[in-house]
PDB file of N, CA and C in Angstrom:
ATOM      1  N   UNK A   1      -9.939  16.140 -10.059  1.00  0.00           N
ATOM      2  CA  UNK A   1      -8.997  14.927  -9.103  1.00  0.00           C
ATOM      3  C   UNK A   1      -8.022  16.430  -9.426  1.00  0.00           C
ATOM      4  N   UNK A   2      -7.074  17.142  -8.650  1.00  0.00           N
ATOM      5  CA  UNK A   2      -6.814  17.893  -7.876  1.00  0.00           C
ATOM      6  C   UNK A   2      -5.146  17.075  -8.588  1.00  0.00           C
ATOM      7  N   UNK A   3      -3.961  18.270  -8.676  1.00  0.00           N
ATOM      8  CA  UNK A   3      -2.395  17.707  -9.175  1.00  0.00           C
ATOM      9  C   UNK A   3      -1.992  17.487  -7.623  1.00  0.00           C
ATOM     10  N   UNK A   4      -2.717  17.851  -6.914  1.00  0.00           N
ATOM     11  CA  UNK A   4      -1.863  17.598  -5.230  1.00  0.00           C
ATOM     12  C   UNK A   4      -2.583  16.536  -4.993  1.00  0.00           C
ATOM     13  N   UNK A   5      -3.904  15.829  -5.202  1.00  0.00           N
ATOM     14  CA  UNK A   5      -4.489  15.263  -4.313  1.00  0.00           C
ATOM     15  C   UNK A   5      -3.609  13.758  -5.987  1.00  0.00           C
ATOM     16  N   UNK A   6      -3.149  13.928  -6.749  1.00  0.00           N
ATOM     17  CA  UNK A   6      -2.285  12.692  -7.872  1.00  0.00           C
ATOM     18  C   UNK A   6      -1.180  12.450  -6.807  1.00  0.00           C
ATOM     19  N   UNK A   7       0.244  13.565  -6.582  1.00  0.00           N
ATOM     20  CA  UNK A   7       0.630  13.701  -5.466  1.00  0.00           C
ATOM     21  C   UNK A   7       0.507  13.383  -4.225  1.00  0.00           C
ATOM     22  N   UNK A   8       0.004  13.000  -3.700  1.00  0.00           N
ATOM     23  CA  UNK A   8      -0.509  12.398  -2.434  1.00  0.00           C
ATOM     24  C   UNK A   8      -0.807  11.052  -2.699  1.00  0.00           C
ATOM     25  N   UNK A   9      -1.541  10.890  -3.343  1.00  0.00           N
ATOM     26  CA  UNK A   9      -1.519   9.083  -4.042  1.00  0.00           C
ATOM     27  C   UNK A   9      -0.323   8.533  -4.109  1.00  0.00           C
ATOM     28  N   UNK A  10       0.750   9.464  -4.897  1.00  0.00           N
ATOM     29  CA  UNK A  10       1.926   9.266  -4.723  1.00  0.00           C
ATOM     30  C   UNK A  10       2.510   9.077  -4.073  1.00  0.00           C
ATOM     31  N   UNK A  11       2.995   9.548  -3.032  1.00  0.00           N
ATOM     32  CA  UNK A  11       3.429   9.515  -2.024  1.00  0.00           C
ATOM     33  C   UNK A  11       3.487   8.890  -1.220  1.00  0.00           C
ATOM     34  N   UNK A  12       1.999   8.795  -1.026  1.00  0.00           N
ATOM     35  CA  UNK A  12       1.535   7.626  -0.072  1.00  0.00           C
ATOM     36  C   UNK A  12       1.760   5.843  -0.739  1.00  0.00           C
ATOM     37  N   UNK A  13       1.433   6.108  -2.099  1.00  0.00           N
ATOM     38  CA  UNK A  13       1.847   4.806  -2.702  1.00  0.00           C
ATOM     39  C   UNK A  13       2.907   5.082  -2.403  1.00  0.00           C
ATOM     40  N   UNK A  14       3.797   5.378  -2.362  1.00  0.00           N
ATOM     41  CA  UNK A  14       5.583   5.693  -2.908  1.00  0.00           C
ATOM     42  C   UNK A  14       5.976   5.017  -1.226  1.00  0.00           C
ATOM     43  N   UNK A  15       5.275   5.484  -0.220  1.00  0.00           N
ATOM     44  CA  UNK A  15       6.190   4.933   1.194  1.00  0.00           C
ATOM     45  C   UNK A  15       5.631   3.597   1.656  1.00  0.00           C
ATOM     46  N   UNK A  16       4.195   3.369   1.360  1.00  0.00           N
ATOM     47  CA  UNK A  16       3.718   2.063   1.262  1.00  0.00           C
ATOM     48  C   UNK A  16       4.385   0.737   0.875  1.00  0.00           C
ATOM     49  N   UNK A  17       4.630   1.233  -0.360  1.00  0.00           N
ATOM     50  CA  UNK A  17       5.246  -0.072  -1.077  1.00  0.00           C
ATOM     51  C   UNK A  17       6.770  -0.246  -0.500  1.00  0.00           C
ATOM     52  N   UNK A  18       7.220   1.308  -0.468  1.00  0.00           N
ATOM     53  CA  UNK A  18       8.948   1.101   0.277  1.00  0.00           C
ATOM     54  C   UNK A  18       8.754   0.228   1.761  1.00  0.00           C
ATOM     55  N   UNK A  19       7.838   0.221   2.666  1.00  0.00           N
ATOM     56  CA  UNK A  19       7.618  -0.408   3.817  1.00  0.00           C
ATOM     57  C   UNK A  19       7.468  -1.934   3.026  1.00  0.00           C
ATOM     58  N   UNK A  20       6.276  -1.802   2.351  1.00  0.00           N
ATOM     59  CA  UNK A  20       5.533  -3.460   2.233  1.00  0.00           C
ATOM     60  C   UNK A  20       7.169  -4.067   1.558  1.00  0.00           C
ATOM     61  N   UNK A  21       7.619  -3.803   0.949  1.00  0.00           N
ATOM     62  CA  UNK A  21       8.846  -4.364  -0.301  1.00  0.00           C
ATOM     63  C   UNK A  21       9.614  -4.637   1.116  1.00  0.00           C
ATOM     64  N   UNK A  22      10.113  -3.621   2.290  1.00  0.00           N
ATOM     65  CA  UNK A  22      11.015  -4.128   2.928  1.00  0.00           C
ATOM     66  C   UNK A  22      10.700  -5.469   4.114  1.00  0.00           C
ATOM     67  N   UNK A  23       9.384  -5.347   4.102  1.00  0.00           N
ATOM     68  CA  UNK A  23       9.141  -6.383   5.395  1.00  0.00           C
ATOM     69  C   UNK A  23       8.824  -7.453   4.603  1.00  0.00           C
ATOM     70  N   UNK A  24       8.646  -7.717   3.633  1.00  0.00           N
ATOM     71  CA  UNK A  24       8.225  -8.836   2.291  1.00  0.00           C
ATOM     72  C   UNK A  24       9.502  -9.074   1.595  1.00  0.00           C
ATOM     73  N   UNK A  25      10.209  -9.996   2.116  1.00  0.00           N
ATOM     74  CA  UNK A  25      11.332 -10.475   1.449  1.00  0.00           C
ATOM     75  C   UNK A  25      11.623 -11.234  -0.043  1.00  0.00           C
ATOM     76  N   UNK A  26      12.182 -10.786  -1.216  1.00  0.00           N
ATOM     77  CA  UNK A  26      12.292 -11.859  -2.262  1.00  0.00           C
ATOM     78  C   UNK A  26      11.707 -11.373  -3.286  1.00  0.00           C
ATOM     79  N   UNK A  27      10.974 -10.558  -3.480  1.00  0.00           N
ATOM     80  CA  UNK A  27      10.212 -10.180  -4.468  1.00  0.00           C
ATOM     81  C   UNK A  27      10.949  -8.186  -4.286  1.00  0.00           C
ATOM     82  N   UNK A  28      11.207  -7.800  -5.735  1.00  0.00           N
ATOM     83  CA  UNK A  28      11.786  -6.184  -5.852  1.00  0.00           C
ATOM     84  C   UNK A  28      11.332  -5.815  -6.749  1.00  0.00           C
ATOM     85  N   UNK A  29      10.389  -4.969  -6.597  1.00  0.00           N
ATOM     86  CA  UNK A  29       9.898  -4.192  -7.121  1.00  0.00           C
ATOM     87  C   UNK A  29      10.143  -3.029  -7.963  1.00  0.00           C
ATOM     88  N   UNK A  30      11.443  -1.901  -7.227  1.00  0.00           N
ATOM     89  CA  UNK A  30      11.563  -1.072  -8.108  1.00  0.00           C
ATOM     90  C   UNK A  30      10.943  -0.436  -6.770  1.00  0.00           C
ATOM     91  N   UNK A  31      11.119   1.259  -7.922  1.00  0.00           N
ATOM     92  CA  UNK A  31      10.480   2.327  -7.296  1.00  0.00           C
ATOM     93  C   UNK A  31       9.236   2.657  -7.881  1.00  0.00           C
ATOM     94  N   UNK A  32       9.249   2.370  -9.055  1.00  0.00           N
ATOM     95  CA  UNK A  32       7.491   2.469  -9.696  1.00  0.00           C
ATOM     96  C   UNK A  32       7.208   1.709  -9.473  1.00  0.00           C
ATOM     97  N   UNK A  33       7.907  -0.014  -9.430  1.00  0.00           N
ATOM     98  CA  UNK A  33       6.939  -1.013  -8.729  1.00  0.00           C
ATOM     99  C   UNK A  33       6.291  -0.465  -7.303  1.00  0.00           C
ATOM    100  N   UNK A  34       6.841  -0.071  -6.835  1.00  0.00           N
ATOM    101  CA  UNK A  34       6.696   0.014  -5.006  1.00  0.00           C
ATOM    102  C   UNK A  34       5.587   0.951  -5.103  1.00  0.00           C
ATOM    103  N   UNK A  35       5.517   2.239  -5.845  1.00  0.00           N
ATOM    104  CA  UNK A  35       4.917   3.151  -6.016  1.00  0.00           C
ATOM    105  C   UNK A  35       3.147   2.601  -6.488  1.00  0.00           C
ATOM    106  N   UNK A  36       3.544   1.779  -7.484  1.00  0.00           N
ATOM    107  CA  UNK A  36       1.908   0.825  -7.963  1.00  0.00           C
ATOM    108  C   UNK A  36       1.423  -0.212  -6.856  1.00  0.00           C
ATOM    109  N   UNK A  37       2.252  -0.666  -6.129  1.00  0.00           N
ATOM    110  CA  UNK A  37       1.486  -1.731  -5.456  1.00  0.00           C
ATOM    111  C   UNK A  37       1.032  -1.138  -4.000  1.00  0.00           C
ATOM    112  N   UNK A  38       1.549   0.748  -3.781  1.00  0.00           N
ATOM    113  CA  UNK A  38       0.962   0.988  -2.641  1.00  0.00           C
ATOM    114  C   UNK A  38      -0.137   1.634  -2.627  1.00  0.00           C
ATOM    115  N   UNK A  39       0.029   1.862  -4.076  1.00  0.00           N
ATOM    116  CA  UNK A  39      -1.227   2.638  -4.592  1.00  0.00           C
ATOM    117  C   UNK A  39      -2.473   2.104  -4.697  1.00  0.00           C
ATOM    118  N   UNK A  40      -2.287   0.305  -5.080  1.00  0.00           N
ATOM    119  CA  UNK A  40      -3.232  -0.336  -5.414  1.00  0.00           C
ATOM    120  C   UNK A  40      -3.325  -1.321  -3.911  1.00  0.00           C
ATOM    121  N   UNK A  41      -2.435  -1.309  -3.046  1.00  0.00           N
ATOM    122  CA  UNK A  41      -2.743  -1.788  -1.372  1.00  0.00           C
ATOM    123  C   UNK A  41      -3.892  -0.836  -0.908  1.00  0.00           C
ATOM    124  N   UNK A  42      -3.735   0.514  -1.093  1.00  0.00           N
ATOM    125  CA  UNK A  42      -4.216   1.076  -0.523  1.00  0.00           C
ATOM    126  C   UNK A  42      -5.775   1.298  -0.503  1.00  0.00           C
ATOM    127  N   UNK A  43      -6.013   0.906  -2.019  1.00  0.00           N
ATOM    128  CA  UNK A  43      -7.194   0.882  -2.128  1.00  0.00           C
ATOM    129  C   UNK A  43      -7.864  -0.549  -1.013  1.00  0.00           C
ATOM    130  N   UNK A  44      -7.088  -1.926  -1.600  1.00  0.00           N
ATOM    131  CA  UNK A  44      -7.424  -2.610  -0.592  1.00  0.00           C
ATOM    132  C   UNK A  44      -6.935  -2.809   1.104  1.00  0.00           C
ATOM    133  N   UNK A  45      -6.767  -1.815   1.256  1.00  0.00           N
ATOM    134  CA  UNK A  45      -6.500  -1.628   2.966  1.00  0.00           C
ATOM    135  C   UNK A  45      -7.401  -1.011   2.832  1.00  0.00           C
ATOM    136  N   UNK A  46      -8.023  -0.183   2.526  1.00  0.00           N
ATOM    137  CA  UNK A  46      -9.150   1.235   2.552  1.00  0.00           C
ATOM    138  C   UNK A  46     -10.513  -0.299   2.337  1.00  0.00           C
ATOM    139  N   UNK A  47     -10.947  -1.067   1.720  1.00  0.00           N
ATOM    140  CA  UNK A  47     -11.824  -2.409   1.697  1.00  0.00           C
ATOM    141  C   UNK A  47     -11.946  -2.969   2.680  1.00  0.00           C
ATOM    142  N   UNK A  48     -10.287  -3.502   2.965  1.00  0.00           N
ATOM    143  CA  UNK A  48     -10.084  -4.442   4.113  1.00  0.00           C
ATOM    144  C   UNK A  48     -10.549  -3.582   6.029  1.00  0.00           C
ATOM    145  N   UNK A  49     -10.486  -3.011   5.882  1.00  0.00           N
ATOM    146  CA  UNK A  49     -10.312  -1.793   7.113  1.00  0.00           C
ATOM    147  C   UNK A  49     -11.977  -2.042   7.101  1.00  0.00           C
ATOM    148  N   UNK A  50     -12.847  -1.460   6.089  1.00  0.00           N
ATOM    149  CA  UNK A  50     -14.144  -0.789   6.069  1.00  0.00           C
ATOM    150  C   UNK A  50     -14.932  -2.267   6.388  1.00  0.00           C
ATOM    151  N   UNK A  51     -14.461  -3.451   5.448  1.00  0.00           N
ATOM    152  CA  UNK A  51     -15.142  -4.493   5.694  1.00  0.00           C
ATOM    153  C   UNK A  51     -14.961  -5.206   6.931  1.00  0.00           C
ATOM    154  N   UNK A  52     -14.228  -5.084   7.682  1.00  0.00           N
ATOM    155  CA  UNK A  52     -13.540  -5.547   9.182  1.00  0.00           C
ATOM    156  C   UNK A  52     -14.449  -4.101  10.070  1.00  0.00           C
ATOM    157  N   UNK A  53     -14.733  -3.269   9.868  1.00  0.00           N
ATOM    158  CA  UNK A  53     -15.120  -1.894  10.567  1.00  0.00           C
ATOM    159  C   UNK A  53     -13.869  -1.398  11.654  1.00  0.00           C
ATOM    160  N   UNK A  54     -12.656  -1.521  10.980  1.00  0.00           N
ATOM    161  CA  UNK A  54     -11.694  -0.812  11.547  1.00  0.00           C
ATOM    162  C   UNK A  54     -11.584   0.326  10.840  1.00  0.00           C
ATOM    163  N   UNK A  55     -11.222   1.734  12.157  1.00  0.00           N
ATOM    164  CA  UNK A  55     -11.102   2.770  11.975  1.00  0.00           C
ATOM    165  C   UNK A  55      -9.614   3.502  12.244  1.00  0.00           C
ATOM    166  N   UNK A  56      -8.651   4.022  11.473  1.00  0.00           N
ATOM    167  CA  UNK A  56      -7.589   4.037  11.655  1.00  0.00           C
ATOM    168  C   UNK A  56      -7.657   5.967  11.354  1.00  0.00           C
ATOM    169  N   UNK A  57      -8.104   6.466  12.105  1.00  0.00           N
ATOM    170  CA  UNK A  57      -8.422   8.262  12.114  1.00  0.00           C
ATOM    171  C   UNK A  57      -7.028   8.863  12.958  1.00  0.00           C
ATOM    172  N   UNK A  58      -5.923   8.454  11.885  1.00  0.00           N
ATOM    173  CA  UNK A  58      -4.851   8.827  12.567  1.00  0.00           C
ATOM    174  C   UNK A  58      -4.075  10.271  11.273  1.00  0.00           C
ATOM    175  N   UNK A  59      -5.033  10.607  10.298  1.00  0.00           N
ATOM    176  CA  UNK A  59      -4.444  11.236   8.945  1.00  0.00           C
ATOM    177  C   UNK A  59      -3.944  10.750   8.413  1.00  0.00           C
ATOM    178  N   UNK A  60      -2.216  11.628   8.031  1.00  0.00           N
ATOM    179  CA  UNK A  60      -1.567  10.803   6.591  1.00  0.00           C
ATOM    180  C   UNK A  60      -1.070   9.435   7.707  1.00  0.00           C
ATOM    181  N   UNK A  61      -0.280   9.590   8.596  1.00  0.00           N
ATOM    182  CA  UNK A  61      -0.009   8.224   9.158  1.00  0.00           C
ATOM    183  C   UNK A  61      -0.944   7.452   8.707  1.00  0.00           C
ATOM    184  N   UNK A  62      -2.541   7.367   9.216  1.00  0.00           N
ATOM    185  CA  UNK A  62      -3.173   6.239   9.130  1.00  0.00           C
ATOM    186  C   UNK A  62      -3.014   5.698   7.806  1.00  0.00           C
ATOM    187  N   UNK A  63      -3.331   6.724   6.639  1.00  0.00           N
ATOM    188  CA  UNK A  63      -3.418   6.142   5.048  1.00  0.00           C
ATOM    189  C   UNK A  63      -2.049   5.406   4.521  1.00  0.00           C
ATOM    190  N   UNK A  64      -1.220   5.635   5.028  1.00  0.00           N
ATOM    191  CA  UNK A  64       0.253   5.486   5.208  1.00  0.00           C
ATOM    192  C   UNK A  64       0.086   3.486   5.527  1.00  0.00           C
ATOM    193  N   UNK A  65      -1.155   3.563   7.104  1.00  0.00           N
ATOM    194  CA  UNK A  65      -0.258   2.475   8.016  1.00  0.00           C
ATOM    195  C   UNK A  65      -1.351   1.353   7.127  1.00  0.00           C
ATOM    196  N   UNK A  66      -2.909   2.379   6.445  1.00  0.00           N
ATOM    197  CA  UNK A  66      -3.397   1.301   5.398  1.00  0.00           C
ATOM    198  C   UNK A  66      -3.490   0.970   4.121  1.00  0.00           C
ATOM    199  N   UNK A  67      -2.503   1.500   3.550  1.00  0.00           N
ATOM    200  CA  UNK A  67      -1.844   1.197   2.274  1.00  0.00           C
ATOM    201  C   UNK A  67      -0.602   0.380   2.724  1.00  0.00           C
ATOM    202  N   UNK A  68      -0.260   0.180   3.266  1.00  0.00           N
ATOM    203  CA  UNK A  68       1.120  -0.536   3.297  1.00  0.00           C
ATOM    204  C   UNK A  68       0.547  -0.975   4.074  1.00  0.00           C
ATOM    205  N   UNK A  69      -0.327  -1.450   4.900  1.00  0.00           N
ATOM    206  CA  UNK A  69      -0.774  -3.495   5.346  1.00  0.00           C
ATOM    207  C   UNK A  69      -1.723  -4.023   3.887  1.00  0.00           C
ATOM    208  N   UNK A  70      -2.145  -3.038   3.310  1.00  0.00           N
ATOM    209  CA  UNK A  70      -3.058  -3.410   1.985  1.00  0.00           C
ATOM    210  C   UNK A  70      -1.477  -4.033   0.479  1.00  0.00           C
ATOM    211  N   UNK A  71      -0.895  -3.256   0.857  1.00  0.00           N
ATOM    212  CA  UNK A  71       0.252  -3.846   0.276  1.00  0.00           C
ATOM    213  C   UNK A  71       0.867  -4.901   0.773  1.00  0.00           C
ATOM    214  N   UNK A  72       0.823  -4.915   1.487  1.00  0.00           N
ATOM    215  CA  UNK A  72       1.924  -6.232   2.571  1.00  0.00           C
ATOM    216  C   UNK A  72       0.500  -7.622   1.595  1.00  0.00           C
ATOM    217  N   UNK A  73      -0.174  -7.313   1.707  1.00  0.00           N
ATOM    218  CA  UNK A  73      -1.359  -8.301   1.646  1.00  0.00           C
ATOM    219  C   UNK A  73      -0.944  -8.479   0.081  1.00  0.00           C
ATOM    220  N   UNK A  74      -0.936  -7.536  -0.736  1.00  0.00           N
ATOM    221  CA  UNK A  74      -0.887  -7.890  -2.292  1.00  0.00           C
ATOM    222  C   UNK A  74       0.760  -8.767  -2.571  1.00  0.00           C
ATOM    223  N   UNK A  75       1.825  -8.443  -1.749  1.00  0.00           N
ATOM    224  CA  UNK A  75       2.954  -8.725  -2.433  1.00  0.00           C
ATOM    225  C   UNK A  75       3.140 -10.304  -1.072  1.00  0.00           C
ATOM    226  N   UNK A  76       2.489 -10.489  -0.324  1.00  0.00           N
ATOM    227  CA  UNK A  76       2.117 -12.075   0.024  1.00  0.00           C
ATOM    228  C   UNK A  76       1.432 -13.231  -0.692  1.00  0.00           C
ATOM    229  N   UNK A  77       0.409 -12.346  -1.540  1.00  0.00           N
ATOM    230  CA  UNK A  77      -0.310 -12.972  -2.621  1.00  0.00           C
ATOM    231  C   UNK A  77       0.332 -13.220  -3.924  1.00  0.00           C
ATOM    232  N   UNK A  78       1.089 -12.198  -3.928  1.00  0.00           N
ATOM    233  CA  UNK A  78       1.966 -12.169  -5.593  1.00  0.00           C
ATOM    234  C   UNK A  78       3.167 -12.960  -5.146  1.00  0.00           C
ATOM    235  N   UNK A  79       4.424 -13.334  -3.784  1.00  0.00           N
ATOM    236  CA  UNK A  79       4.775 -14.335  -3.496  1.00  0.00           C
ATOM    237  C   UNK A  79       4.006 -16.070  -3.412  1.00  0.00           C
ATOM    238  N   UNK A  80       3.098 -15.653  -2.955  1.00  0.00           N
ATOM    239  CA  UNK A  80       2.898 -17.586  -3.325  1.00  0.00           C
ATOM    240  C   UNK A  80       2.266 -17.777  -4.938  1.00  0.00           C
ATOM    241  N   UNK A  81       1.964 -16.728  -5.692  1.00  0.00           N
ATOM    242  CA  UNK A  81       1.770 -17.053  -6.990  1.00  0.00           C
ATOM    243  C   UNK A  81       3.236 -17.493  -7.730  1.00  0.00           C
ATOM    244  N   UNK A  82       3.876 -16.759  -7.508  1.00  0.00           N
ATOM    245  CA  UNK A  82       5.123 -17.219  -8.116  1.00  0.00           C
ATOM    246  C   UNK A  82       5.866 -18.278  -7.693  1.00  0.00           C
ATOM    247  N   UNK A  83       5.726 -18.367  -6.686  1.00  0.00           N
ATOM    248  CA  UNK A  83       6.337 -20.126  -6.150  1.00  0.00           C
ATOM    249  C   UNK A  83       5.589 -21.193  -6.884  1.00  0.00           C
TER     250      UNK A  83
END
């Protein structure tokens, strides 16, 4: 894994995490938490889209959308557990 790939993961994870944090109110993660949730969300989103046979082939925009959907799912689960 190259440094560029790691930086790309961090940027995509950060953008997706910030989007998810803005949409799911009540959970304040901070920047590092948003990046981590976004990266984990990328795994969840790609697994879910693969399972449902959904292909979003829009380059980096599709990657951000996939990661954001996964991050939103993770935040909804986290909010349900916290209650």
